[in-house]
N, C-alpha and C. Protein backbone atom coordinates (compact mmCIF):
# COMPACT_ATOMS: atom_id res chain seq x y z
N MET A 1 -45.79 14.52 41.84
CA MET A 1 -45.86 14.64 40.41
C MET A 1 -44.96 15.76 39.91
N ASP A 2 -44.90 16.84 40.63
CA ASP A 2 -44.05 17.95 40.23
C ASP A 2 -42.58 17.57 40.32
N LYS A 3 -42.26 16.74 41.32
CA LYS A 3 -40.88 16.27 41.45
C LYS A 3 -40.48 15.44 40.23
N ASP A 4 -41.39 14.59 39.77
CA ASP A 4 -41.11 13.75 38.61
C ASP A 4 -40.89 14.61 37.36
N LYS A 5 -41.68 15.66 37.20
CA LYS A 5 -41.52 16.56 36.05
C LYS A 5 -40.17 17.27 36.10
N ILE A 6 -39.76 17.65 37.27
CA ILE A 6 -38.47 18.33 37.42
C ILE A 6 -37.33 17.37 37.06
N TYR A 7 -37.39 16.14 37.56
CA TYR A 7 -36.35 15.16 37.23
C TYR A 7 -36.31 14.86 35.73
N ILE A 8 -37.45 14.70 35.16
CA ILE A 8 -37.52 14.42 33.70
C ILE A 8 -36.98 15.61 32.92
N SER A 9 -37.33 16.82 33.34
CA SER A 9 -36.84 18.02 32.67
C SER A 9 -35.31 18.10 32.78
N ILE A 10 -34.76 17.79 33.93
CA ILE A 10 -33.30 17.84 34.12
C ILE A 10 -32.63 16.79 33.24
N ILE A 11 -33.18 15.60 33.20
CA ILE A 11 -32.59 14.52 32.38
C ILE A 11 -32.65 14.90 30.90
N VAL A 12 -33.77 15.43 30.43
CA VAL A 12 -33.90 15.85 29.04
C VAL A 12 -32.91 16.98 28.75
N PHE A 13 -32.79 17.92 29.64
CA PHE A 13 -31.86 19.04 29.47
C PHE A 13 -30.41 18.53 29.36
N LEU A 14 -30.01 17.62 30.25
CA LEU A 14 -28.66 17.06 30.22
C LEU A 14 -28.41 16.27 28.93
N LEU A 15 -29.40 15.51 28.49
CA LEU A 15 -29.26 14.76 27.23
C LEU A 15 -29.06 15.70 26.04
N VAL A 16 -29.82 16.78 26.01
CA VAL A 16 -29.69 17.76 24.93
C VAL A 16 -28.28 18.37 24.95
N ILE A 17 -27.79 18.71 26.11
CA ILE A 17 -26.44 19.29 26.23
C ILE A 17 -25.38 18.27 25.78
N ILE A 18 -25.51 17.03 26.23
CA ILE A 18 -24.53 16.00 25.87
C ILE A 18 -24.54 15.74 24.37
N ILE A 19 -25.72 15.54 23.81
CA ILE A 19 -25.82 15.26 22.37
C ILE A 19 -25.33 16.48 21.58
N GLY A 20 -25.72 17.66 22.01
CA GLY A 20 -25.25 18.87 21.33
C GLY A 20 -23.75 19.02 21.40
N GLY A 21 -23.16 18.73 22.56
CA GLY A 21 -21.71 18.83 22.72
C GLY A 21 -20.96 17.83 21.85
N VAL A 22 -21.44 16.61 21.83
CA VAL A 22 -20.80 15.58 21.00
C VAL A 22 -20.87 15.97 19.52
N THR A 23 -22.05 16.41 19.10
CA THR A 23 -22.23 16.83 17.71
C THR A 23 -21.30 18.00 17.37
N TYR A 24 -21.22 18.96 18.27
CA TYR A 24 -20.36 20.12 18.04
C TYR A 24 -18.90 19.70 17.90
N PHE A 25 -18.41 18.85 18.79
CA PHE A 25 -17.01 18.44 18.73
C PHE A 25 -16.71 17.59 17.50
N GLN A 26 -17.67 16.82 17.06
CA GLN A 26 -17.47 16.07 15.81
C GLN A 26 -17.42 17.02 14.63
N TRP A 27 -18.24 18.04 14.68
CA TRP A 27 -18.30 19.00 13.58
C TRP A 27 -17.02 19.81 13.46
N ILE A 28 -16.41 20.18 14.59
CA ILE A 28 -15.21 21.01 14.53
C ILE A 28 -13.94 20.20 14.29
N GLN A 29 -14.01 18.88 14.39
CA GLN A 29 -12.83 18.05 14.14
C GLN A 29 -12.49 18.13 12.65
N PRO A 30 -11.23 18.36 12.32
CA PRO A 30 -10.88 18.40 10.90
C PRO A 30 -11.00 17.00 10.30
N SER A 31 -11.42 16.96 9.05
CA SER A 31 -11.51 15.66 8.38
C SER A 31 -10.10 15.17 8.10
N PRO A 32 -9.89 13.85 8.08
CA PRO A 32 -8.54 13.35 7.84
C PRO A 32 -8.06 13.73 6.45
N THR A 33 -6.85 14.25 6.39
CA THR A 33 -6.27 14.63 5.11
C THR A 33 -4.87 14.08 5.02
N LEU A 34 -4.37 14.06 3.81
CA LEU A 34 -3.01 13.61 3.57
C LEU A 34 -2.09 14.78 3.88
N ASN A 35 -1.25 14.62 4.88
CA ASN A 35 -0.37 15.70 5.30
C ASN A 35 1.02 15.46 4.72
N ILE A 36 1.38 16.25 3.72
CA ILE A 36 2.67 16.11 3.07
C ILE A 36 3.45 17.40 3.26
N THR A 37 4.65 17.27 3.77
CA THR A 37 5.51 18.42 3.93
C THR A 37 6.52 18.42 2.80
N ILE A 38 6.60 19.54 2.09
CA ILE A 38 7.53 19.65 0.97
C ILE A 38 8.79 20.35 1.47
N PRO A 39 9.94 19.65 1.36
CA PRO A 39 11.19 20.29 1.78
C PRO A 39 11.44 21.57 0.99
N GLU A 40 12.11 22.53 1.60
CA GLU A 40 12.38 23.82 0.98
C GLU A 40 12.99 23.69 -0.41
N GLY A 41 13.93 22.80 -0.59
CA GLY A 41 14.61 22.65 -1.87
C GLY A 41 13.72 22.15 -2.98
N GLU A 42 12.58 21.53 -2.64
CA GLU A 42 11.71 20.96 -3.65
C GLU A 42 10.52 21.85 -3.99
N LYS A 43 10.37 22.97 -3.31
CA LYS A 43 9.25 23.86 -3.63
C LYS A 43 9.48 24.46 -5.01
N GLN A 44 8.36 24.65 -5.72
CA GLN A 44 8.48 25.20 -7.06
C GLN A 44 9.04 26.61 -7.01
N GLN A 45 10.06 26.84 -7.79
CA GLN A 45 10.68 28.15 -7.82
C GLN A 45 10.06 29.01 -8.91
N ASN A 46 9.39 28.39 -9.85
CA ASN A 46 8.81 29.08 -10.97
C ASN A 46 7.32 29.26 -10.72
N THR A 47 6.82 30.49 -10.74
CA THR A 47 5.42 30.72 -10.49
C THR A 47 4.59 30.53 -11.76
N LYS A 48 5.21 30.45 -12.92
CA LYS A 48 4.50 30.21 -14.17
C LYS A 48 4.03 28.77 -14.19
N GLU A 49 2.73 28.57 -14.39
CA GLU A 49 2.19 27.21 -14.41
C GLU A 49 2.42 26.58 -15.77
N GLU A 50 3.05 25.41 -15.77
CA GLU A 50 3.28 24.66 -16.99
C GLU A 50 2.48 23.36 -16.89
N TYR A 51 1.88 22.98 -17.98
CA TYR A 51 1.03 21.80 -17.99
C TYR A 51 1.66 20.66 -18.79
N ILE A 52 1.34 19.46 -18.39
CA ILE A 52 1.75 18.27 -19.11
C ILE A 52 0.51 17.42 -19.36
N TYR A 53 0.63 16.44 -20.24
CA TYR A 53 -0.48 15.54 -20.54
C TYR A 53 -0.01 14.11 -20.33
N VAL A 54 -0.84 13.34 -19.64
CA VAL A 54 -0.54 11.93 -19.39
C VAL A 54 -1.75 11.09 -19.78
N HIS A 55 -1.47 9.87 -20.20
CA HIS A 55 -2.52 8.92 -20.57
C HIS A 55 -2.67 7.93 -19.42
N VAL A 56 -3.85 7.89 -18.83
CA VAL A 56 -4.12 6.98 -17.72
C VAL A 56 -5.07 5.90 -18.24
N SER A 57 -4.65 4.63 -18.11
CA SER A 57 -5.48 3.54 -18.59
C SER A 57 -5.41 2.36 -17.64
N GLY A 58 -5.97 1.25 -18.05
CA GLY A 58 -6.00 0.07 -17.21
C GLY A 58 -7.23 0.07 -16.34
N HIS A 59 -7.08 -0.31 -15.10
CA HIS A 59 -8.20 -0.46 -14.18
C HIS A 59 -8.51 0.85 -13.46
N VAL A 60 -8.97 1.85 -14.23
CA VAL A 60 -9.44 3.12 -13.68
C VAL A 60 -10.86 3.35 -14.16
N LEU A 61 -11.59 4.20 -13.45
CA LEU A 61 -13.00 4.43 -13.80
C LEU A 61 -13.17 5.17 -15.12
N ASN A 62 -12.29 6.13 -15.40
CA ASN A 62 -12.42 6.95 -16.62
C ASN A 62 -11.08 7.05 -17.33
N PRO A 63 -10.65 6.01 -18.06
CA PRO A 63 -9.37 6.08 -18.77
C PRO A 63 -9.38 7.22 -19.79
N GLY A 64 -8.22 7.80 -19.99
CA GLY A 64 -8.12 8.87 -20.98
C GLY A 64 -6.85 9.69 -20.80
N VAL A 65 -6.78 10.78 -21.54
CA VAL A 65 -5.64 11.69 -21.48
C VAL A 65 -6.04 12.86 -20.58
N TYR A 66 -5.16 13.19 -19.63
CA TYR A 66 -5.46 14.23 -18.66
C TYR A 66 -4.36 15.27 -18.61
N GLN A 67 -4.79 16.52 -18.36
CA GLN A 67 -3.87 17.63 -18.22
C GLN A 67 -3.57 17.82 -16.73
N LEU A 68 -2.27 17.92 -16.42
CA LEU A 68 -1.82 18.11 -15.04
C LEU A 68 -0.79 19.22 -15.01
N LEU A 69 -0.59 19.78 -13.84
CA LEU A 69 0.50 20.74 -13.68
C LEU A 69 1.83 19.98 -13.73
N SER A 70 2.82 20.57 -14.32
CA SER A 70 4.14 19.97 -14.32
C SER A 70 4.59 19.73 -12.88
N GLY A 71 5.15 18.57 -12.63
CA GLY A 71 5.56 18.22 -11.28
C GLY A 71 4.52 17.42 -10.52
N SER A 72 3.39 17.12 -11.18
CA SER A 72 2.34 16.33 -10.53
C SER A 72 2.79 14.90 -10.33
N ARG A 73 2.09 14.20 -9.47
CA ARG A 73 2.43 12.83 -9.09
C ARG A 73 1.44 11.83 -9.70
N VAL A 74 1.83 10.56 -9.68
CA VAL A 74 1.01 9.49 -10.23
C VAL A 74 -0.36 9.45 -9.57
N TYR A 75 -0.41 9.59 -8.24
CA TYR A 75 -1.70 9.51 -7.55
C TYR A 75 -2.66 10.61 -8.03
N GLN A 76 -2.13 11.76 -8.43
CA GLN A 76 -2.98 12.84 -8.92
C GLN A 76 -3.57 12.49 -10.28
N ALA A 77 -2.76 11.89 -11.14
CA ALA A 77 -3.24 11.48 -12.46
C ALA A 77 -4.33 10.42 -12.33
N ILE A 78 -4.11 9.45 -11.44
CA ILE A 78 -5.11 8.40 -11.24
C ILE A 78 -6.39 9.00 -10.65
N GLY A 79 -6.24 9.98 -9.78
CA GLY A 79 -7.41 10.65 -9.22
C GLY A 79 -8.24 11.36 -10.28
N LEU A 80 -7.57 11.99 -11.23
CA LEU A 80 -8.30 12.66 -12.31
C LEU A 80 -9.06 11.65 -13.17
N ALA A 81 -8.54 10.44 -13.25
CA ALA A 81 -9.19 9.38 -14.04
C ALA A 81 -10.30 8.70 -13.23
N GLY A 82 -10.68 9.27 -12.12
CA GLY A 82 -11.77 8.74 -11.32
C GLY A 82 -11.35 7.73 -10.28
N GLY A 83 -10.06 7.45 -10.20
CA GLY A 83 -9.57 6.48 -9.23
C GLY A 83 -9.61 5.07 -9.79
N PRO A 84 -9.08 4.13 -9.03
CA PRO A 84 -9.04 2.74 -9.52
C PRO A 84 -10.42 2.09 -9.45
N THR A 85 -10.63 1.10 -10.30
CA THR A 85 -11.84 0.29 -10.22
C THR A 85 -11.70 -0.66 -9.04
N GLU A 86 -12.71 -1.47 -8.78
CA GLU A 86 -12.62 -2.44 -7.68
C GLU A 86 -11.49 -3.43 -7.92
N GLU A 87 -11.21 -3.73 -9.19
CA GLU A 87 -10.14 -4.68 -9.51
C GLU A 87 -8.76 -4.01 -9.55
N GLY A 88 -8.72 -2.69 -9.59
CA GLY A 88 -7.46 -1.96 -9.71
C GLY A 88 -6.59 -2.11 -8.47
N ASP A 89 -5.29 -2.31 -8.69
CA ASP A 89 -4.35 -2.48 -7.57
C ASP A 89 -3.28 -1.41 -7.67
N ILE A 90 -3.56 -0.25 -7.07
CA ILE A 90 -2.62 0.86 -7.16
C ILE A 90 -1.39 0.65 -6.29
N GLN A 91 -1.41 -0.36 -5.43
CA GLN A 91 -0.24 -0.64 -4.58
C GLN A 91 0.93 -1.17 -5.40
N LYS A 92 0.68 -1.57 -6.64
CA LYS A 92 1.75 -2.04 -7.52
C LYS A 92 2.46 -0.87 -8.21
N LEU A 93 1.96 0.34 -7.99
CA LEU A 93 2.54 1.53 -8.61
C LEU A 93 3.22 2.39 -7.57
N ASN A 94 4.14 3.21 -8.02
CA ASN A 94 4.76 4.20 -7.15
C ASN A 94 3.91 5.46 -7.26
N LEU A 95 2.98 5.64 -6.34
CA LEU A 95 2.03 6.74 -6.39
C LEU A 95 2.67 8.10 -6.19
N ALA A 96 3.84 8.13 -5.60
CA ALA A 96 4.52 9.40 -5.32
C ALA A 96 5.41 9.85 -6.48
N GLN A 97 5.54 9.02 -7.50
CA GLN A 97 6.44 9.36 -8.61
C GLN A 97 5.91 10.55 -9.41
N ILE A 98 6.82 11.42 -9.81
CA ILE A 98 6.47 12.57 -10.65
C ILE A 98 6.25 12.06 -12.07
N VAL A 99 5.13 12.48 -12.67
CA VAL A 99 4.82 12.05 -14.03
C VAL A 99 5.48 12.97 -15.04
N GLN A 100 5.75 12.42 -16.21
CA GLN A 100 6.39 13.17 -17.28
C GLN A 100 5.38 13.42 -18.40
N ASP A 101 5.58 14.47 -19.16
CA ASP A 101 4.70 14.78 -20.28
C ASP A 101 4.71 13.61 -21.27
N GLY A 102 3.54 13.19 -21.69
CA GLY A 102 3.42 12.11 -22.66
C GLY A 102 3.49 10.71 -22.06
N GLN A 103 3.57 10.60 -20.76
CA GLN A 103 3.71 9.31 -20.10
C GLN A 103 2.38 8.58 -20.08
N LYS A 104 2.44 7.25 -20.15
CA LYS A 104 1.25 6.42 -20.01
C LYS A 104 1.33 5.68 -18.68
N ILE A 105 0.29 5.81 -17.90
CA ILE A 105 0.20 5.15 -16.61
C ILE A 105 -0.86 4.07 -16.73
N ILE A 106 -0.45 2.83 -16.52
CA ILE A 106 -1.38 1.71 -16.61
C ILE A 106 -1.62 1.19 -15.20
N VAL A 107 -2.86 1.29 -14.73
CA VAL A 107 -3.20 0.78 -13.41
C VAL A 107 -3.49 -0.71 -13.57
N PRO A 108 -2.68 -1.55 -12.93
CA PRO A 108 -2.86 -3.00 -13.08
C PRO A 108 -4.03 -3.49 -12.24
N GLY A 109 -4.48 -4.69 -12.57
CA GLY A 109 -5.52 -5.33 -11.78
C GLY A 109 -4.89 -6.16 -10.67
N GLU A 110 -5.70 -6.55 -9.70
CA GLU A 110 -5.20 -7.34 -8.58
C GLU A 110 -4.61 -8.66 -9.04
N LYS A 111 -5.15 -9.22 -10.12
CA LYS A 111 -4.70 -10.53 -10.58
C LYS A 111 -3.55 -10.44 -11.59
N ASP A 112 -3.18 -9.21 -12.00
CA ASP A 112 -2.07 -9.05 -12.94
C ASP A 112 -0.77 -9.44 -12.27
N GLU A 113 0.09 -10.12 -13.01
CA GLU A 113 1.38 -10.58 -12.47
C GLU A 113 2.36 -9.43 -12.33
N GLY A 114 3.29 -9.58 -11.41
CA GLY A 114 4.42 -8.66 -11.27
C GLY A 114 4.08 -7.43 -10.44
N THR A 115 5.09 -6.59 -10.28
CA THR A 115 4.92 -5.34 -9.57
C THR A 115 5.24 -4.22 -10.53
N ASP A 116 4.77 -3.04 -10.22
CA ASP A 116 5.00 -1.87 -11.06
C ASP A 116 4.62 -2.17 -12.50
N SER A 117 3.51 -2.82 -12.67
CA SER A 117 3.04 -3.32 -13.96
C SER A 117 3.09 -2.27 -15.05
N ASN A 118 3.85 -2.52 -16.05
CA ASN A 118 3.97 -1.73 -17.27
C ASN A 118 4.24 -0.25 -17.04
N PHE A 119 4.08 0.24 -15.83
CA PHE A 119 4.31 1.65 -15.56
C PHE A 119 5.78 1.99 -15.77
N ASN A 120 6.64 1.03 -15.54
CA ASN A 120 8.07 1.27 -15.64
C ASN A 120 8.62 1.10 -17.04
N LEU A 121 7.81 0.65 -17.94
CA LEU A 121 8.26 0.46 -19.31
C LEU A 121 7.77 1.62 -20.16
N SER A 122 8.55 1.99 -21.12
CA SER A 122 8.14 3.04 -22.03
C SER A 122 7.36 2.42 -23.16
N SER A 123 6.54 3.21 -23.81
CA SER A 123 5.85 2.73 -24.99
C SER A 123 6.76 2.83 -26.21
N ASP A 124 8.00 3.22 -26.00
CA ASP A 124 8.96 3.42 -27.08
C ASP A 124 9.64 2.09 -27.43
N LEU A 125 8.88 1.19 -28.03
CA LEU A 125 9.39 -0.10 -28.51
C LEU A 125 10.11 -0.91 -27.44
N GLY A 126 9.59 -0.93 -26.24
CA GLY A 126 10.14 -1.77 -25.18
C GLY A 126 11.42 -1.25 -24.55
N LYS A 127 11.80 -0.03 -24.84
CA LYS A 127 12.99 0.53 -24.21
C LYS A 127 12.70 0.75 -22.72
N ILE A 128 13.73 0.70 -21.93
CA ILE A 128 13.60 0.88 -20.49
C ILE A 128 13.65 2.36 -20.14
N ASN A 129 12.65 2.81 -19.43
CA ASN A 129 12.58 4.21 -19.01
C ASN A 129 13.47 4.38 -17.79
N ILE A 130 14.59 5.05 -17.96
CA ILE A 130 15.55 5.21 -16.85
C ILE A 130 15.03 6.13 -15.76
N ASN A 131 13.92 6.82 -16.01
CA ASN A 131 13.32 7.68 -14.99
C ASN A 131 12.40 6.92 -14.06
N THR A 132 11.90 5.76 -14.49
CA THR A 132 10.88 5.07 -13.70
C THR A 132 11.19 3.61 -13.43
N ALA A 133 12.15 3.04 -14.13
CA ALA A 133 12.41 1.60 -14.00
C ALA A 133 12.92 1.24 -12.61
N PRO A 134 12.44 0.11 -12.08
CA PRO A 134 12.95 -0.36 -10.78
C PRO A 134 14.32 -1.02 -10.96
N SER A 135 14.94 -1.32 -9.87
CA SER A 135 16.28 -1.91 -9.85
C SER A 135 16.39 -3.16 -10.73
N GLU A 136 15.40 -4.06 -10.60
CA GLU A 136 15.47 -5.33 -11.34
C GLU A 136 15.50 -5.09 -12.85
N LEU A 137 14.73 -4.12 -13.32
CA LEU A 137 14.67 -3.82 -14.74
C LEU A 137 15.94 -3.12 -15.22
N LEU A 138 16.48 -2.21 -14.42
CA LEU A 138 17.72 -1.53 -14.80
C LEU A 138 18.87 -2.52 -14.94
N GLN A 139 18.88 -3.55 -14.10
CA GLN A 139 19.97 -4.52 -14.13
C GLN A 139 19.94 -5.42 -15.37
N THR A 140 18.88 -5.33 -16.16
CA THR A 140 18.85 -6.10 -17.41
C THR A 140 19.64 -5.40 -18.51
N LEU A 141 20.03 -4.17 -18.27
CA LEU A 141 20.83 -3.43 -19.26
C LEU A 141 22.27 -3.91 -19.24
N PRO A 142 22.92 -3.99 -20.41
CA PRO A 142 24.32 -4.42 -20.43
C PRO A 142 25.23 -3.47 -19.66
N GLY A 143 26.08 -4.03 -18.83
CA GLY A 143 27.05 -3.23 -18.08
C GLY A 143 26.47 -2.55 -16.85
N ILE A 144 25.20 -2.80 -16.54
CA ILE A 144 24.58 -2.17 -15.37
C ILE A 144 24.29 -3.26 -14.34
N GLY A 145 25.07 -3.26 -13.28
CA GLY A 145 24.90 -4.22 -12.20
C GLY A 145 24.23 -3.56 -11.01
N PRO A 146 24.23 -4.23 -9.88
CA PRO A 146 23.57 -3.69 -8.69
C PRO A 146 24.13 -2.33 -8.22
N ALA A 147 25.42 -2.15 -8.28
CA ALA A 147 26.02 -0.90 -7.81
C ALA A 147 25.62 0.27 -8.71
N LYS A 148 25.71 0.08 -10.02
CA LYS A 148 25.33 1.16 -10.95
C LYS A 148 23.82 1.41 -10.90
N THR A 149 23.06 0.35 -10.72
CA THR A 149 21.61 0.50 -10.59
C THR A 149 21.29 1.39 -9.39
N GLN A 150 21.91 1.12 -8.26
CA GLN A 150 21.67 1.92 -7.07
C GLN A 150 22.12 3.36 -7.29
N ALA A 151 23.23 3.55 -8.02
CA ALA A 151 23.70 4.90 -8.33
C ALA A 151 22.68 5.66 -9.18
N ILE A 152 22.03 4.95 -10.13
CA ILE A 152 21.01 5.58 -10.97
C ILE A 152 19.81 5.99 -10.12
N ILE A 153 19.36 5.08 -9.27
CA ILE A 153 18.21 5.37 -8.41
C ILE A 153 18.52 6.52 -7.46
N ASP A 154 19.71 6.51 -6.87
CA ASP A 154 20.11 7.60 -5.97
C ASP A 154 20.14 8.93 -6.71
N TYR A 155 20.68 8.92 -7.93
CA TYR A 155 20.75 10.13 -8.74
C TYR A 155 19.34 10.68 -9.01
N ARG A 156 18.40 9.77 -9.39
CA ARG A 156 17.02 10.19 -9.67
C ARG A 156 16.38 10.82 -8.45
N GLN A 157 16.61 10.22 -7.28
CA GLN A 157 16.00 10.73 -6.07
C GLN A 157 16.57 12.09 -5.68
N LYS A 158 17.84 12.28 -5.92
CA LYS A 158 18.48 13.53 -5.53
C LYS A 158 18.25 14.64 -6.55
N ASN A 159 18.31 14.31 -7.85
CA ASN A 159 18.30 15.32 -8.90
C ASN A 159 17.02 15.36 -9.74
N GLY A 160 16.13 14.41 -9.53
CA GLY A 160 14.91 14.37 -10.34
C GLY A 160 15.11 13.58 -11.62
N ALA A 161 14.15 13.69 -12.50
CA ALA A 161 14.14 12.90 -13.73
C ALA A 161 15.25 13.34 -14.70
N PHE A 162 15.72 12.35 -15.46
CA PHE A 162 16.65 12.65 -16.55
C PHE A 162 15.85 13.32 -17.66
N THR A 163 16.42 14.35 -18.30
CA THR A 163 15.70 15.02 -19.38
C THR A 163 16.04 14.44 -20.74
N LYS A 164 17.19 13.82 -20.87
CA LYS A 164 17.59 13.15 -22.11
C LYS A 164 18.45 11.94 -21.73
N ILE A 165 18.52 10.96 -22.62
CA ILE A 165 19.23 9.73 -22.27
C ILE A 165 20.70 9.96 -21.99
N GLU A 166 21.28 10.96 -22.60
CA GLU A 166 22.70 11.25 -22.39
C GLU A 166 23.00 11.65 -20.95
N ASP A 167 21.97 12.13 -20.24
CA ASP A 167 22.15 12.56 -18.85
C ASP A 167 22.54 11.42 -17.92
N ILE A 168 22.33 10.18 -18.36
CA ILE A 168 22.69 9.05 -17.50
C ILE A 168 24.20 9.01 -17.26
N GLN A 169 24.95 9.67 -18.11
CA GLN A 169 26.40 9.73 -17.94
C GLN A 169 26.80 10.61 -16.75
N LYS A 170 25.85 11.36 -16.21
CA LYS A 170 26.10 12.17 -15.02
C LYS A 170 26.15 11.30 -13.77
N VAL A 171 25.67 10.06 -13.89
CA VAL A 171 25.67 9.13 -12.77
C VAL A 171 27.08 8.58 -12.59
N SER A 172 27.54 8.57 -11.37
CA SER A 172 28.88 8.06 -11.06
C SER A 172 29.01 6.61 -11.51
N GLY A 173 30.05 6.34 -12.29
CA GLY A 173 30.31 4.98 -12.75
C GLY A 173 29.79 4.68 -14.15
N ILE A 174 29.04 5.62 -14.72
CA ILE A 174 28.53 5.40 -16.08
C ILE A 174 29.17 6.43 -17.00
N GLY A 175 30.07 5.94 -17.82
CA GLY A 175 30.78 6.80 -18.75
C GLY A 175 30.36 6.53 -20.19
N PRO A 176 31.12 7.09 -21.15
CA PRO A 176 30.78 6.93 -22.56
C PRO A 176 30.72 5.46 -23.01
N ALA A 177 31.60 4.62 -22.50
CA ALA A 177 31.61 3.22 -22.93
C ALA A 177 30.32 2.51 -22.52
N THR A 178 29.91 2.69 -21.28
CA THR A 178 28.66 2.08 -20.81
C THR A 178 27.47 2.70 -21.54
N PHE A 179 27.50 4.01 -21.72
CA PHE A 179 26.40 4.68 -22.42
C PHE A 179 26.24 4.12 -23.83
N ASN A 180 27.33 3.91 -24.54
CA ASN A 180 27.24 3.37 -25.90
C ASN A 180 26.61 1.98 -25.91
N GLN A 181 26.81 1.19 -24.84
CA GLN A 181 26.21 -0.14 -24.77
C GLN A 181 24.70 -0.08 -24.55
N ILE A 182 24.22 0.95 -23.87
CA ILE A 182 22.81 0.98 -23.47
C ILE A 182 21.97 2.03 -24.20
N LYS A 183 22.56 2.92 -24.97
CA LYS A 183 21.82 4.06 -25.52
C LYS A 183 20.64 3.66 -26.40
N ASP A 184 20.71 2.51 -27.06
CA ASP A 184 19.61 2.08 -27.91
C ASP A 184 18.54 1.30 -27.14
N LYS A 185 18.78 1.09 -25.84
CA LYS A 185 17.86 0.29 -25.04
C LYS A 185 17.15 1.11 -23.97
N ILE A 186 17.44 2.43 -23.92
CA ILE A 186 16.86 3.26 -22.86
C ILE A 186 16.10 4.45 -23.45
N THR A 187 15.23 4.98 -22.63
CA THR A 187 14.47 6.18 -22.99
C THR A 187 14.18 6.96 -21.73
N VAL A 188 13.73 8.20 -21.89
CA VAL A 188 13.34 9.03 -20.74
C VAL A 188 11.88 9.44 -20.83
N ASN A 189 11.13 8.90 -21.79
CA ASN A 189 9.70 9.26 -21.97
C ASN A 189 8.89 8.90 -20.77
């Protein structure tokens, strides 16, 4: 009988150690996080915090106007709005895109047609937002073909958002003549 008690005690002791060890190792494991490395050239050089306001609507839990730090991304704005609803399809949006002050972000539903739903269009009477429009939309502008479209996209990726529509002339291949053809059809809002 004493032998049985010793064996049971050893088994219970080992079980406690094993369960305790597993629990401890699970507890010390870091929770999964989004690991983003910011290249040196993109780190904020200005320590003064500047705020912008964006309107988040569509298929989000709490549509409304939200205050963000300048340089914030679309995913952060959607997060402030409570995230997408069950019908919301954030895969149709560029979540990494930097938002602009006064911008409206519309989270489309899964059944909504197209990609980048309305996010790429400005609320400025249907003008094309040269800061957010995809290649297909840019090519609808007069005098802007695939090569110039790619030059615009490359410029945005390298230099950031255009601050005024005239800045599009900084893109290689777009001069005053092309600008005059498109100036009434574009915006940077």
